[in-house]
Amino acid sequence: MLIESTNSVLTIKEQCSLIELNLSSYYYQPLGITEEGLELMAKIDRIYTKTPFYGIREITEELRRHGDIYNHKRIGRLMHLIGIQAVTPKRNLSKPNKDHLVYPHLLRDVQITATNQVWSTNITYLPIYKGYAYLVAVIDWFSKFVLSWELSTGLDVYFCLEALDRALRQGLQDYFYFYNY
């Protein structure tokens, strides 16, 4: 975006040096995920769905039992790309760090008696044809009404913020329309 290929005053190399960008980075084209990678991600997802407590090494072993030999580093990278990890207790989880602040659970003794009193959000991934999609939803706890949702092919913060912004802007209007209709 900062480099103008049609600039008649500065060459691309000069523009790259001005913003301290390697010339090779300017011309780099990412390869993307191959068909084999998508198939492997689908296999990993099937194994993970059956055994969510399996980590990188167990999923690698399960693939080897079925005749697919892959390096555990590749399996770990694809699991990270999908957004999954083993559901197991982590070491020393019950020992708090003395330097960390302890925040109270603010909803522990709250009786939820009205709409728009408490909202929550959740993000989940969905396997789709040739990849994965990520779904975020903002929900009202009292009515269980979905105030807004967004779907994205990448796990970034922007689609989450967009869903929250829409919920804040239109949440009350949608709710009253739905229940007064």
N, C-alpha and C. Protein backbone atom coordinates (compact mmCIF):
# COMPACT_ATOMS: atom_id res chain seq x y z
N MET A 1 0.82 -1.19 0.00
CA MET A 1 0.00 0.00 0.00
C MET A 1 0.87 1.26 0.00
N LEU A 2 2.01 1.20 0.63
CA LEU A 2 2.87 2.38 0.70
C LEU A 2 3.73 2.54 -0.54
N ILE A 3 3.89 1.48 -1.31
CA ILE A 3 4.73 1.51 -2.51
C ILE A 3 3.86 1.82 -3.72
N GLU A 4 4.26 2.80 -4.48
CA GLU A 4 3.55 3.15 -5.71
C GLU A 4 4.37 2.64 -6.89
N SER A 5 3.85 1.63 -7.56
CA SER A 5 4.60 1.06 -8.69
C SER A 5 4.64 2.00 -9.89
N THR A 6 3.73 2.96 -9.95
CA THR A 6 3.67 3.89 -11.09
C THR A 6 4.35 5.22 -10.78
N ASN A 7 5.07 5.30 -9.70
CA ASN A 7 5.75 6.54 -9.33
C ASN A 7 6.88 6.82 -10.32
N SER A 8 6.87 8.01 -10.92
CA SER A 8 7.89 8.36 -11.92
C SER A 8 9.14 8.97 -11.29
N VAL A 9 9.08 9.36 -10.04
CA VAL A 9 10.21 10.00 -9.39
C VAL A 9 11.11 8.98 -8.70
N LEU A 10 10.51 8.08 -7.94
CA LEU A 10 11.27 7.07 -7.19
C LEU A 10 11.03 5.67 -7.73
N THR A 11 12.09 4.91 -7.81
CA THR A 11 11.93 3.51 -8.22
C THR A 11 11.36 2.72 -7.05
N ILE A 12 10.93 1.50 -7.33
CA ILE A 12 10.40 0.62 -6.29
C ILE A 12 11.47 0.33 -5.25
N LYS A 13 12.71 0.13 -5.71
CA LYS A 13 13.81 -0.15 -4.78
C LYS A 13 14.05 1.03 -3.84
N GLU A 14 13.99 2.25 -4.37
CA GLU A 14 14.19 3.44 -3.54
C GLU A 14 13.04 3.61 -2.53
N GLN A 15 11.83 3.35 -2.97
CA GLN A 15 10.68 3.46 -2.08
C GLN A 15 10.78 2.44 -0.94
N CYS A 16 11.21 1.22 -1.29
CA CYS A 16 11.37 0.18 -0.27
C CYS A 16 12.45 0.58 0.75
N SER A 17 13.54 1.15 0.28
CA SER A 17 14.60 1.54 1.21
C SER A 17 14.15 2.69 2.10
N LEU A 18 13.30 3.57 1.61
CA LEU A 18 12.79 4.68 2.42
C LEU A 18 11.93 4.20 3.59
N ILE A 19 11.16 3.16 3.37
CA ILE A 19 10.31 2.64 4.46
C ILE A 19 10.94 1.42 5.13
N GLU A 20 12.21 1.17 4.80
CA GLU A 20 12.99 0.07 5.39
C GLU A 20 12.30 -1.27 5.20
N LEU A 21 11.95 -1.55 3.95
CA LEU A 21 11.33 -2.81 3.57
C LEU A 21 12.24 -3.53 2.58
N ASN A 22 12.51 -4.81 2.84
CA ASN A 22 13.32 -5.56 1.89
C ASN A 22 12.60 -5.65 0.55
N LEU A 23 13.34 -5.57 -0.51
CA LEU A 23 12.76 -5.65 -1.84
C LEU A 23 12.09 -7.00 -2.06
N SER A 24 12.68 -8.06 -1.50
CA SER A 24 12.10 -9.39 -1.64
C SER A 24 10.75 -9.48 -0.93
N SER A 25 10.57 -8.73 0.15
CA SER A 25 9.29 -8.72 0.87
C SER A 25 8.21 -8.06 0.02
N TYR A 26 8.59 -7.07 -0.77
CA TYR A 26 7.63 -6.40 -1.64
C TYR A 26 7.12 -7.36 -2.71
N TYR A 27 8.00 -8.17 -3.27
CA TYR A 27 7.64 -9.07 -4.35
C TYR A 27 7.13 -10.44 -3.86
N TYR A 28 7.15 -10.68 -2.56
CA TYR A 28 6.76 -11.99 -2.02
C TYR A 28 5.27 -12.25 -2.27
N GLN A 29 4.97 -13.44 -2.78
CA GLN A 29 3.60 -13.90 -2.97
C GLN A 29 3.40 -15.17 -2.14
N PRO A 30 2.55 -15.14 -1.10
CA PRO A 30 2.36 -16.34 -0.29
C PRO A 30 1.73 -17.46 -1.11
N LEU A 31 2.13 -18.69 -0.80
CA LEU A 31 1.66 -19.83 -1.56
C LEU A 31 0.24 -20.24 -1.21
N GLY A 32 -0.17 -20.04 0.02
CA GLY A 32 -1.51 -20.46 0.44
C GLY A 32 -1.49 -21.94 0.84
N ILE A 33 -2.65 -22.48 1.09
CA ILE A 33 -2.78 -23.87 1.53
C ILE A 33 -3.08 -24.74 0.33
N THR A 34 -2.33 -25.83 0.21
CA THR A 34 -2.53 -26.75 -0.92
C THR A 34 -3.73 -27.65 -0.65
N GLU A 35 -4.13 -28.37 -1.67
CA GLU A 35 -5.23 -29.34 -1.55
C GLU A 35 -4.86 -30.42 -0.54
N GLU A 36 -3.60 -30.85 -0.54
CA GLU A 36 -3.13 -31.85 0.42
C GLU A 36 -3.21 -31.30 1.85
N GLY A 37 -2.87 -30.04 2.02
CA GLY A 37 -2.95 -29.42 3.34
C GLY A 37 -4.37 -29.33 3.86
N LEU A 38 -5.31 -29.03 2.96
CA LEU A 38 -6.72 -28.98 3.36
C LEU A 38 -7.24 -30.36 3.75
N GLU A 39 -6.82 -31.38 2.99
CA GLU A 39 -7.22 -32.75 3.33
C GLU A 39 -6.65 -33.16 4.68
N LEU A 40 -5.39 -32.79 4.93
CA LEU A 40 -4.76 -33.10 6.21
C LEU A 40 -5.45 -32.37 7.35
N MET A 41 -5.84 -31.11 7.12
CA MET A 41 -6.56 -30.37 8.15
C MET A 41 -7.91 -31.02 8.45
N ALA A 42 -8.58 -31.54 7.43
CA ALA A 42 -9.85 -32.24 7.65
C ALA A 42 -9.64 -33.51 8.46
N LYS A 43 -8.55 -34.25 8.18
CA LYS A 43 -8.24 -35.46 8.96
C LYS A 43 -7.94 -35.11 10.42
N ILE A 44 -7.16 -34.05 10.61
CA ILE A 44 -6.84 -33.60 11.97
C ILE A 44 -8.13 -33.22 12.70
N ASP A 45 -9.03 -32.53 12.02
CA ASP A 45 -10.28 -32.11 12.64
C ASP A 45 -11.13 -33.32 13.02
N ARG A 46 -11.18 -34.34 12.17
CA ARG A 46 -11.96 -35.54 12.49
C ARG A 46 -11.38 -36.24 13.72
N ILE A 47 -10.05 -36.36 13.78
CA ILE A 47 -9.42 -37.00 14.94
C ILE A 47 -9.67 -36.17 16.19
N TYR A 48 -9.54 -34.85 16.08
CA TYR A 48 -9.73 -33.97 17.23
C TYR A 48 -11.18 -34.00 17.72
N THR A 49 -12.14 -34.11 16.80
CA THR A 49 -13.55 -34.16 17.18
C THR A 49 -13.84 -35.42 17.99
N LYS A 50 -13.22 -36.54 17.61
CA LYS A 50 -13.43 -37.80 18.34
C LYS A 50 -12.68 -37.80 19.66
N THR A 51 -11.46 -37.23 19.68
CA THR A 51 -10.61 -37.27 20.87
C THR A 51 -10.02 -35.89 21.12
N PRO A 52 -10.80 -34.98 21.73
CA PRO A 52 -10.32 -33.61 21.91
C PRO A 52 -9.17 -33.49 22.91
N PHE A 53 -8.86 -34.55 23.63
CA PHE A 53 -7.76 -34.53 24.58
C PHE A 53 -6.44 -34.92 23.92
N TYR A 54 -6.45 -35.28 22.63
CA TYR A 54 -5.22 -35.58 21.91
C TYR A 54 -4.48 -34.29 21.59
N GLY A 55 -3.19 -34.30 21.81
CA GLY A 55 -2.34 -33.17 21.46
C GLY A 55 -1.68 -33.41 20.11
N ILE A 56 -0.64 -32.64 19.83
CA ILE A 56 0.06 -32.72 18.55
C ILE A 56 0.65 -34.09 18.33
N ARG A 57 1.34 -34.62 19.31
CA ARG A 57 2.02 -35.91 19.13
C ARG A 57 1.04 -37.06 19.01
N GLU A 58 -0.06 -37.04 19.77
CA GLU A 58 -1.05 -38.11 19.66
C GLU A 58 -1.76 -38.10 18.32
N ILE A 59 -2.07 -36.90 17.81
CA ILE A 59 -2.71 -36.80 16.49
C ILE A 59 -1.75 -37.27 15.41
N THR A 60 -0.46 -36.95 15.55
CA THR A 60 0.55 -37.42 14.61
C THR A 60 0.61 -38.94 14.62
N GLU A 61 0.58 -39.54 15.81
CA GLU A 61 0.60 -41.01 15.92
C GLU A 61 -0.65 -41.63 15.34
N GLU A 62 -1.79 -41.01 15.56
CA GLU A 62 -3.04 -41.54 15.01
C GLU A 62 -3.01 -41.51 13.48
N LEU A 63 -2.45 -40.45 12.91
CA LEU A 63 -2.31 -40.38 11.45
C LEU A 63 -1.35 -41.46 10.95
N ARG A 64 -0.27 -41.71 11.69
CA ARG A 64 0.69 -42.75 11.30
C ARG A 64 0.04 -44.12 11.34
N ARG A 65 -0.85 -44.36 12.30
CA ARG A 65 -1.55 -45.65 12.37
C ARG A 65 -2.42 -45.87 11.14
N HIS A 66 -2.87 -44.80 10.52
CA HIS A 66 -3.69 -44.91 9.31
C HIS A 66 -2.86 -44.82 8.03
N GLY A 67 -1.53 -44.78 8.18
CA GLY A 67 -0.66 -44.79 7.02
C GLY A 67 -0.20 -43.43 6.54
N ASP A 68 -0.57 -42.37 7.20
CA ASP A 68 -0.15 -41.02 6.82
C ASP A 68 1.01 -40.60 7.72
N ILE A 69 2.17 -40.38 7.13
CA ILE A 69 3.35 -40.02 7.91
C ILE A 69 3.66 -38.55 7.69
N TYR A 70 3.52 -37.77 8.78
CA TYR A 70 3.80 -36.34 8.75
C TYR A 70 4.63 -35.97 9.97
N ASN A 71 5.38 -34.90 9.85
CA ASN A 71 6.17 -34.39 10.94
C ASN A 71 5.25 -33.73 11.97
N HIS A 72 5.54 -33.91 13.25
CA HIS A 72 4.69 -33.34 14.29
C HIS A 72 4.68 -31.80 14.24
N LYS A 73 5.73 -31.21 13.70
CA LYS A 73 5.76 -29.75 13.60
C LYS A 73 4.73 -29.25 12.59
N ARG A 74 4.54 -30.00 11.51
CA ARG A 74 3.53 -29.62 10.52
C ARG A 74 2.13 -29.78 11.12
N ILE A 75 1.93 -30.87 11.85
CA ILE A 75 0.62 -31.10 12.49
C ILE A 75 0.34 -29.96 13.47
N GLY A 76 1.34 -29.58 14.26
CA GLY A 76 1.17 -28.48 15.21
C GLY A 76 0.85 -27.17 14.53
N ARG A 77 1.53 -26.89 13.41
CA ARG A 77 1.27 -25.65 12.67
C ARG A 77 -0.15 -25.63 12.13
N LEU A 78 -0.62 -26.77 11.59
CA LEU A 78 -1.98 -26.83 11.05
C LEU A 78 -3.03 -26.75 12.17
N MET A 79 -2.74 -27.39 13.31
CA MET A 79 -3.66 -27.29 14.45
C MET A 79 -3.76 -25.84 14.91
N HIS A 80 -2.64 -25.14 14.93
CA HIS A 80 -2.64 -23.73 15.31
C HIS A 80 -3.41 -22.90 14.28
N LEU A 81 -3.28 -23.23 13.01
CA LEU A 81 -3.98 -22.52 11.94
C LEU A 81 -5.49 -22.72 12.07
N ILE A 82 -5.90 -23.95 12.40
CA ILE A 82 -7.32 -24.24 12.58
C ILE A 82 -7.83 -23.58 13.85
N GLY A 83 -6.97 -23.49 14.85
CA GLY A 83 -7.38 -22.89 16.12
C GLY A 83 -7.78 -23.91 17.16
N ILE A 84 -7.18 -25.11 17.11
CA ILE A 84 -7.51 -26.14 18.10
C ILE A 84 -6.28 -26.51 18.89
N GLN A 85 -6.51 -26.96 20.12
CA GLN A 85 -5.44 -27.48 20.97
C GLN A 85 -6.05 -28.51 21.91
N ALA A 86 -5.25 -29.35 22.46
CA ALA A 86 -5.73 -30.41 23.33
C ALA A 86 -6.44 -29.85 24.55
N VAL A 87 -7.53 -30.51 24.92
CA VAL A 87 -8.29 -30.11 26.10
C VAL A 87 -7.76 -30.92 27.28
N THR A 88 -6.75 -30.40 27.92
CA THR A 88 -6.13 -31.06 29.08
C THR A 88 -5.77 -30.01 30.11
N PRO A 89 -5.70 -30.41 31.37
CA PRO A 89 -5.25 -29.44 32.36
C PRO A 89 -3.77 -29.11 32.15
N LYS A 90 -3.44 -27.87 32.31
CA LYS A 90 -2.06 -27.45 32.14
C LYS A 90 -1.31 -27.56 33.47
N ARG A 91 0.00 -27.61 33.42
CA ARG A 91 0.81 -27.73 34.63
C ARG A 91 0.61 -26.54 35.54
N ASN A 92 0.52 -26.82 36.84
CA ASN A 92 0.43 -25.81 37.89
C ASN A 92 -0.69 -24.80 37.65
N LEU A 93 -1.79 -25.29 37.11
CA LEU A 93 -2.91 -24.40 36.80
C LEU A 93 -3.54 -23.83 38.07
N SER A 94 -3.48 -24.58 39.16
CA SER A 94 -4.13 -24.12 40.39
C SER A 94 -3.23 -23.21 41.22
N LYS A 95 -2.01 -23.01 40.81
CA LYS A 95 -1.10 -22.16 41.57
C LYS A 95 -1.05 -20.77 40.93
N PRO A 96 -1.66 -19.77 41.56
CA PRO A 96 -1.65 -18.44 40.96
C PRO A 96 -0.29 -17.78 41.09
N ASN A 97 0.01 -16.94 40.15
CA ASN A 97 1.22 -16.14 40.19
C ASN A 97 1.00 -15.02 41.21
N LYS A 98 1.92 -14.84 42.10
CA LYS A 98 1.77 -13.85 43.16
C LYS A 98 1.72 -12.42 42.61
N ASP A 99 2.31 -12.18 41.44
CA ASP A 99 2.35 -10.84 40.86
C ASP A 99 1.06 -10.47 40.13
N HIS A 100 0.23 -11.48 39.77
CA HIS A 100 -0.99 -11.20 39.02
C HIS A 100 -2.10 -10.70 39.94
N LEU A 101 -2.86 -9.75 39.44
CA LEU A 101 -4.02 -9.25 40.17
C LEU A 101 -5.13 -10.30 40.12
N VAL A 102 -5.89 -10.44 41.18
CA VAL A 102 -7.02 -11.35 41.22
C VAL A 102 -8.28 -10.52 41.05
N TYR A 103 -9.00 -10.76 39.95
CA TYR A 103 -10.22 -10.02 39.68
C TYR A 103 -11.41 -10.81 40.20
N PRO A 104 -12.36 -10.15 40.82
CA PRO A 104 -13.53 -10.87 41.33
C PRO A 104 -14.45 -11.29 40.19
N HIS A 105 -15.19 -12.38 40.42
CA HIS A 105 -16.19 -12.82 39.45
C HIS A 105 -17.42 -11.93 39.64
N LEU A 106 -17.60 -10.99 38.76
CA LEU A 106 -18.59 -9.94 38.95
C LEU A 106 -20.04 -10.42 38.85
N LEU A 107 -20.27 -11.56 38.22
CA LEU A 107 -21.63 -12.05 38.04
C LEU A 107 -21.98 -13.19 39.00
N ARG A 108 -21.14 -13.44 39.99
CA ARG A 108 -21.35 -14.59 40.87
C ARG A 108 -22.70 -14.53 41.58
N ASP A 109 -23.06 -13.41 42.18
CA ASP A 109 -24.29 -13.29 42.95
C ASP A 109 -25.36 -12.46 42.25
N VAL A 110 -25.23 -12.25 40.95
CA VAL A 110 -26.17 -11.42 40.22
C VAL A 110 -27.31 -12.28 39.69
N GLN A 111 -28.53 -11.86 39.98
CA GLN A 111 -29.71 -12.50 39.40
C GLN A 111 -30.02 -11.79 38.09
N ILE A 112 -30.02 -12.51 36.99
CA ILE A 112 -30.28 -11.91 35.69
C ILE A 112 -31.78 -11.93 35.47
N THR A 113 -32.39 -10.74 35.51
CA THR A 113 -33.85 -10.63 35.50
C THR A 113 -34.40 -9.82 34.33
N ALA A 114 -33.53 -9.26 33.50
CA ALA A 114 -34.02 -8.41 32.41
C ALA A 114 -33.11 -8.54 31.19
N THR A 115 -33.66 -8.18 30.07
CA THR A 115 -32.86 -8.19 28.85
C THR A 115 -31.82 -7.09 28.92
N ASN A 116 -30.75 -7.26 28.18
CA ASN A 116 -29.64 -6.31 28.08
C ASN A 116 -28.96 -6.06 29.42
N GLN A 117 -29.16 -6.94 30.37
CA GLN A 117 -28.47 -6.83 31.64
C GLN A 117 -27.07 -7.44 31.54
N VAL A 118 -26.98 -8.59 30.84
CA VAL A 118 -25.70 -9.28 30.65
C VAL A 118 -25.65 -9.81 29.22
N TRP A 119 -24.56 -9.50 28.54
CA TRP A 119 -24.27 -10.05 27.22
C TRP A 119 -23.03 -10.90 27.32
N SER A 120 -22.91 -11.85 26.41
CA SER A 120 -21.68 -12.64 26.31
C SER A 120 -21.36 -12.86 24.85
N THR A 121 -20.17 -13.37 24.62
CA THR A 121 -19.75 -13.64 23.24
C THR A 121 -19.04 -14.97 23.20
N ASN A 122 -19.02 -15.59 22.04
CA ASN A 122 -18.35 -16.87 21.85
C ASN A 122 -17.81 -16.94 20.43
N ILE A 123 -16.66 -17.57 20.29
CA ILE A 123 -16.06 -17.77 18.98
C ILE A 123 -15.89 -19.27 18.78
N THR A 124 -16.27 -19.76 17.61
CA THR A 124 -16.08 -21.17 17.30
C THR A 124 -15.64 -21.30 15.85
N TYR A 125 -15.05 -22.45 15.52
CA TYR A 125 -14.64 -22.66 14.13
C TYR A 125 -15.54 -23.71 13.50
N LEU A 126 -15.74 -23.57 12.19
CA LEU A 126 -16.61 -24.47 11.45
C LEU A 126 -15.84 -25.01 10.25
N PRO A 127 -15.75 -26.35 10.11
CA PRO A 127 -15.13 -26.88 8.90
C PRO A 127 -16.05 -26.66 7.71
N ILE A 128 -15.51 -26.08 6.65
CA ILE A 128 -16.27 -25.86 5.42
C ILE A 128 -15.48 -26.46 4.26
N TYR A 129 -16.08 -26.45 3.10
CA TYR A 129 -15.42 -26.96 1.91
C TYR A 129 -14.13 -26.19 1.67
N LYS A 130 -13.02 -26.87 1.59
CA LYS A 130 -11.69 -26.30 1.33
C LYS A 130 -11.25 -25.31 2.40
N GLY A 131 -11.49 -25.62 3.67
CA GLY A 131 -10.97 -24.75 4.70
C GLY A 131 -11.84 -24.70 5.94
N TYR A 132 -11.73 -23.57 6.66
CA TYR A 132 -12.44 -23.37 7.90
C TYR A 132 -12.98 -21.95 7.94
N ALA A 133 -14.08 -21.80 8.67
CA ALA A 133 -14.65 -20.48 8.91
C ALA A 133 -14.78 -20.30 10.41
N TYR A 134 -14.76 -19.07 10.85
CA TYR A 134 -14.86 -18.74 12.27
C TYR A 134 -16.11 -17.92 12.50
N LEU A 135 -16.89 -18.31 13.50
CA LEU A 135 -18.15 -17.67 13.81
C LEU A 135 -18.07 -17.04 15.20
N VAL A 136 -18.43 -15.78 15.30
CA VAL A 136 -18.51 -15.10 16.59
C VAL A 136 -19.95 -14.64 16.76
N ALA A 137 -20.49 -14.80 17.97
CA ALA A 137 -21.86 -14.39 18.26
C ALA A 137 -21.90 -13.61 19.56
N VAL A 138 -22.74 -12.58 19.61
CA VAL A 138 -22.99 -11.82 20.83
C VAL A 138 -24.41 -12.16 21.27
N ILE A 139 -24.56 -12.63 22.51
CA ILE A 139 -25.82 -13.20 22.99
C ILE A 139 -26.26 -12.49 24.26
N ASP A 140 -27.57 -12.24 24.37
CA ASP A 140 -28.16 -11.73 25.60
C ASP A 140 -28.46 -12.91 26.51
N TRP A 141 -27.96 -12.89 27.74
CA TRP A 141 -28.10 -14.03 28.65
C TRP A 141 -29.54 -14.26 29.07
N PHE A 142 -30.31 -13.22 29.28
CA PHE A 142 -31.67 -13.39 29.78
C PHE A 142 -32.58 -14.04 28.74
N SER A 143 -32.58 -13.49 27.54
CA SER A 143 -33.49 -13.96 26.50
C SER A 143 -32.89 -15.03 25.60
N LYS A 144 -31.57 -15.24 25.68
CA LYS A 144 -30.84 -16.15 24.80
C LYS A 144 -30.94 -15.70 23.33
N PHE A 145 -31.20 -14.42 23.12
CA PHE A 145 -31.33 -13.84 21.80
C PHE A 145 -29.95 -13.51 21.25
N VAL A 146 -29.66 -13.90 20.01
CA VAL A 146 -28.39 -13.57 19.36
C VAL A 146 -28.50 -12.14 18.83
N LEU A 147 -27.75 -11.26 19.45
CA LEU A 147 -27.81 -9.85 19.09
C LEU A 147 -27.10 -9.56 17.77
N SER A 148 -25.96 -10.23 17.54
CA SER A 148 -25.25 -10.09 16.27
C SER A 148 -24.30 -11.25 16.12
N TRP A 149 -23.88 -11.47 14.90
CA TRP A 149 -22.90 -12.52 14.61
C TRP A 149 -22.11 -12.13 13.38
N GLU A 150 -20.93 -12.70 13.25
CA GLU A 150 -20.07 -12.46 12.09
C GLU A 150 -19.39 -13.77 11.73
N LEU A 151 -19.12 -13.94 10.47
CA LEU A 151 -18.43 -15.12 9.96
C LEU A 151 -17.18 -14.64 9.22
N SER A 152 -16.04 -15.33 9.45
CA SER A 152 -14.79 -14.92 8.82
C SER A 152 -13.98 -16.15 8.46
N THR A 153 -13.16 -16.02 7.44
CA THR A 153 -12.27 -17.12 7.07
C THR A 153 -10.94 -17.05 7.79
N GLY A 154 -10.68 -15.96 8.49
CA GLY A 154 -9.45 -15.80 9.25
C GLY A 154 -9.76 -15.48 10.71
N LEU A 155 -8.90 -15.93 11.59
CA LEU A 155 -9.12 -15.70 13.02
C LEU A 155 -8.40 -14.42 13.42
N ASP A 156 -9.01 -13.27 13.10
CA ASP A 156 -8.43 -11.98 13.49
C ASP A 156 -9.43 -11.24 14.37
N VAL A 157 -9.03 -10.13 14.90
CA VAL A 157 -9.85 -9.41 15.87
C VAL A 157 -10.93 -8.57 15.20
N TYR A 158 -10.77 -8.23 13.93
CA TYR A 158 -11.64 -7.26 13.29
C TYR A 158 -13.07 -7.75 13.14
N PHE A 159 -13.28 -9.02 12.80
CA PHE A 159 -14.64 -9.49 12.64
C PHE A 159 -15.33 -9.59 14.01
N CYS A 160 -14.57 -9.81 15.08
CA CYS A 160 -15.13 -9.82 16.43
C CYS A 160 -15.58 -8.41 16.83
N LEU A 161 -14.73 -7.43 16.55
CA LEU A 161 -15.09 -6.05 16.86
C LEU A 161 -16.29 -5.57 16.04
N GLU A 162 -16.37 -6.05 14.81
CA GLU A 162 -17.51 -5.68 13.96
C GLU A 162 -18.81 -6.23 14.53
N ALA A 163 -18.78 -7.48 15.02
CA ALA A 163 -19.98 -8.08 15.62
C ALA A 163 -20.37 -7.33 16.89
N LEU A 164 -19.39 -6.99 17.71
CA LEU A 164 -19.68 -6.24 18.93
C LEU A 164 -20.23 -4.86 18.62
N ASP A 165 -19.66 -4.19 17.64
CA ASP A 165 -20.13 -2.87 17.25
C ASP A 165 -21.58 -2.94 16.77
N ARG A 166 -21.90 -3.94 15.95
CA ARG A 166 -23.27 -4.09 15.46
C ARG A 166 -24.22 -4.39 16.61
N ALA A 167 -23.78 -5.21 17.56
CA ALA A 167 -24.63 -5.51 18.71
C ALA A 167 -24.90 -4.26 19.53
N LEU A 168 -23.88 -3.43 19.71
CA LEU A 168 -24.07 -2.20 20.47
C LEU A 168 -24.98 -1.21 19.75
N ARG A 169 -24.86 -1.15 18.43
CA ARG A 169 -25.67 -0.20 17.67
C ARG A 169 -27.11 -0.69 17.47
N GLN A 170 -27.27 -1.97 17.15
CA GLN A 170 -28.58 -2.47 16.75
C GLN A 170 -29.20 -3.45 17.73
N GLY A 171 -28.50 -3.77 18.80
CA GLY A 171 -28.98 -4.79 19.73
C GLY A 171 -30.35 -4.50 20.29
N LEU A 172 -30.56 -3.32 20.77
CA LEU A 172 -31.85 -2.97 21.35
C LEU A 172 -32.94 -2.92 20.29
N GLN A 173 -32.64 -2.36 19.13
CA GLN A 173 -33.64 -2.25 18.06
C GLN A 173 -34.09 -3.64 17.60
N ASP A 174 -33.14 -4.55 17.35
CA ASP A 174 -33.47 -5.91 16.90
C ASP A 174 -34.27 -6.64 17.95
N TYR A 175 -33.91 -6.47 19.21
CA TYR A 175 -34.58 -7.18 20.28
C TYR A 175 -36.04 -6.76 20.38
N PHE A 176 -36.28 -5.44 20.38
CA PHE A 176 -37.64 -4.94 20.51
C PHE A 176 -38.47 -5.29 19.27
N TYR A 177 -37.86 -5.27 18.12
CA TYR A 177 -38.57 -5.65 16.90
C TYR A 177 -38.98 -7.11 16.96
N PHE A 178 -38.08 -7.98 17.43
CA PHE A 178 -38.34 -9.41 17.47
C PHE A 178 -39.45 -9.74 18.45
N TYR A 179 -39.45 -9.14 19.62
CA TYR A 179 -40.41 -9.48 20.65
C TYR A 179 -41.72 -8.69 20.56
N ASN A 180 -41.74 -7.60 19.85
CA ASN A 180 -42.99 -6.83 19.69
C ASN A 180 -43.66 -7.11 18.36
N TYR A 181 -43.12 -7.99 17.56
CA TYR A 181 -43.67 -8.27 16.24
C TYR A 181 -44.87 -9.12 16.36
